[in-house]
Protein backbone atom coordinates (compact mmCIF):
# COMPACT_ATOMS: atom_id res chain seq x y z
CA MET A 1 93.20 88.72 63.98
CA THR A 2 95.60 91.39 65.17
CA PRO A 3 97.61 92.98 62.31
CA PRO A 4 101.23 91.87 61.94
CA VAL A 5 103.74 93.84 63.93
CA ALA A 6 107.20 94.59 62.58
CA GLY A 7 109.86 93.84 65.15
CA PRO A 8 113.51 94.80 65.20
CA ALA A 9 115.45 94.46 61.95
CA ASP A 10 118.07 91.79 61.43
CA GLU A 11 121.62 92.44 60.21
CA ARG A 12 120.31 92.71 56.61
CA GLY A 13 117.81 95.37 57.67
CA PHE A 14 114.69 93.20 57.34
CA PRO A 15 112.15 93.35 60.16
CA HIS A 16 110.97 90.19 61.83
CA TYR A 17 107.18 90.18 61.53
CA THR A 18 105.02 88.74 64.24
CA LEU A 19 101.52 87.53 63.48
CA VAL A 20 99.18 86.88 66.34
CA GLY A 21 96.30 84.58 65.57
CA PRO A 22 94.06 81.89 66.96
CA THR A 23 95.36 78.40 67.59
CA ASP A 24 92.01 76.99 66.55
CA VAL A 25 88.71 78.16 65.07
CA SER A 26 86.63 77.82 68.25
CA HIS A 27 86.40 81.62 68.46
CA GLU A 28 83.96 81.46 65.53
CA HIS A 29 81.55 79.67 67.82
CA GLY A 30 81.81 82.12 70.69
CA MET A 31 84.48 80.25 72.63
CA SER A 32 87.79 81.83 73.45
CA ALA A 33 90.88 80.55 71.68
CA GLY A 34 94.51 80.77 72.67
CA THR A 35 96.99 82.72 70.60
CA GLU A 36 100.38 81.81 69.22
CA GLU A 37 103.06 84.03 67.75
CA ILE A 38 104.31 83.34 64.25
CA VAL A 39 107.49 85.16 63.29
CA VAL A 40 108.37 85.82 59.66
CA ARG A 41 112.12 86.31 59.33
CA PRO A 42 114.94 85.99 56.81
CA ALA A 43 116.09 82.41 56.30
CA GLU A 44 119.41 81.36 57.80
CA PRO A 45 121.87 78.58 56.90
CA SER A 46 120.67 76.57 59.91
CA ASP A 47 117.20 76.47 58.29
CA LEU A 48 118.37 74.34 55.36
CA GLU A 49 117.67 70.87 56.78
CA PRO A 50 114.33 71.82 58.39
CA LEU A 51 113.30 73.53 55.13
CA GLU A 52 113.99 70.39 53.13
CA LYS A 53 111.72 68.47 55.50
CA PHE A 54 109.09 71.22 55.45
CA ILE A 55 108.77 71.48 51.67
CA GLY A 56 108.90 67.70 51.11
CA PRO A 57 105.14 67.14 51.50
CA PHE A 58 104.39 70.12 49.21
CA VAL A 59 106.64 68.61 46.53
CA GLU A 60 105.05 65.16 46.97
CA ALA A 61 101.60 66.74 46.60
CA ARG A 62 102.88 68.55 43.46
CA ARG A 63 102.05 71.93 44.96
CA ILE A 64 105.59 73.25 44.51
CA LEU A 65 108.48 72.16 42.32
CA PRO A 66 111.24 70.02 43.80
CA ARG A 67 114.40 71.81 44.97
CA THR A 68 117.78 70.19 45.44
CA THR A 69 119.74 70.89 48.60
CA ASP A 70 122.08 73.10 46.56
CA GLU A 71 119.14 75.05 45.08
CA LEU A 72 117.65 75.64 48.51
CA ALA A 73 121.03 76.66 49.91
CA SER A 74 121.51 79.18 47.09
CA LEU A 75 118.06 80.68 47.82
CA LEU A 76 118.61 81.16 51.57
CA PRO A 77 120.09 84.69 51.32
CA THR A 78 116.88 85.85 49.60
CA ALA A 79 114.38 83.62 51.40
CA PHE A 80 112.06 84.03 54.36
CA VAL A 81 110.57 81.56 56.82
CA ALA A 82 107.52 81.73 59.05
CA GLU A 83 108.27 80.13 62.38
CA LEU A 84 106.23 79.06 65.39
CA HIS A 85 108.23 78.12 68.50
CA GLY A 86 111.23 77.17 66.37
CA ARG A 87 109.15 75.13 63.88
CA ILE A 88 108.96 76.28 60.26
CA VAL A 89 105.33 76.77 59.20
CA GLY A 90 105.92 78.79 56.01
CA PHE A 91 108.53 79.54 53.37
CA ALA A 92 109.05 81.75 50.32
CA ALA A 93 112.11 82.74 48.33
CA LEU A 94 113.03 85.39 45.82
CA GLU A 95 115.33 84.21 43.06
CA ILE A 96 117.01 87.25 41.56
CA TYR A 97 117.87 86.83 37.89
CA SER A 98 119.02 90.40 37.18
CA ARG A 99 118.48 93.96 38.35
CA LYS A 100 115.33 93.89 36.26
CA LEU A 101 113.79 90.53 37.12
CA ALA A 102 113.23 88.20 40.10
CA GLU A 103 110.96 85.24 40.67
CA LEU A 104 108.94 84.47 43.78
CA ARG A 105 109.53 80.75 44.38
CA SER A 106 108.41 77.93 46.61
CA LEU A 107 105.70 79.76 48.57
CA ALA A 108 104.34 77.22 51.06
CA VAL A 109 102.41 77.48 54.32
CA ALA A 110 101.62 74.54 56.60
CA GLU A 111 98.03 73.46 56.03
CA GLU A 112 96.94 74.15 59.61
CA TRP A 113 98.14 77.77 59.30
CA GLN A 114 96.76 78.60 55.86
CA GLY A 115 94.31 81.48 55.71
CA GLN A 116 96.01 83.32 58.60
CA GLY A 117 97.95 85.84 56.48
CA ILE A 118 101.27 84.03 56.70
CA GLY A 119 101.62 83.62 52.93
CA SER A 120 100.91 87.33 52.49
CA ARG A 121 103.62 88.21 55.01
CA LEU A 122 106.09 85.97 53.21
CA VAL A 123 105.24 87.54 49.84
CA LYS A 124 105.50 91.05 51.30
CA SER A 125 108.92 90.21 52.72
CA CYS A 126 110.08 89.06 49.28
CA VAL A 127 108.62 92.19 47.66
CA ALA A 128 110.39 94.40 50.23
CA LEU A 129 113.68 92.69 49.40
CA ALA A 130 113.08 93.23 45.68
CA ARG A 131 112.34 96.91 46.31
CA GLU A 132 115.48 97.28 48.40
CA ARG A 133 117.49 95.73 45.58
CA ARG A 134 115.64 97.92 43.06
CA ILE A 135 114.33 94.93 41.11
CA PHE A 136 111.96 96.18 38.42
CA GLU A 137 109.67 93.16 38.13
CA ILE A 138 108.77 90.05 40.12
CA ILE A 139 107.21 87.05 38.42
CA THR A 140 105.76 83.87 39.79
CA ILE A 141 104.64 80.66 38.15
CA THR A 142 101.78 79.10 40.06
CA SER A 143 98.70 76.97 39.79
CA ALA A 144 97.09 79.05 42.56
CA ASP A 145 96.99 82.39 40.74
CA ARG A 146 94.19 83.91 42.81
CA LYS A 147 96.67 84.08 45.70
CA PHE A 148 98.69 86.63 43.73
CA VAL A 149 95.97 88.90 42.38
CA SER A 150 96.49 91.72 44.88
CA PRO A 151 99.59 91.19 47.05
CA GLY A 152 100.79 94.81 46.58
């Protein structure tokens, strides 16, 4: 897969990342596969309703904790989405508790796009925000700890 490419920064100074990857796994068998662009960008207020729908199945499967509409809305200024043709395929948020501590929350990637580096891009976006804000430490509470062993 081609490495992610940082695009122009938004008004908060965060680049929009573009990942280019296969649309299917047929390339493993010598067949050519099409490519799609996935953009990782800061979340916006208009993402609230689609985000609620996106994280619903993850909550039902007990893979992430439930979030109320108000909780999600309060996370938007420090959250990032991965998007494919206007459809959310990934999400992560940084909840900032103090100048010393923030928590990476609600990391989720659509099942069909897992293993393509989208979660890593979302985590890196949250880490970049924490660095910009000079947050000393980021924590996460997860049942999938191997995903966080070496994110940088």
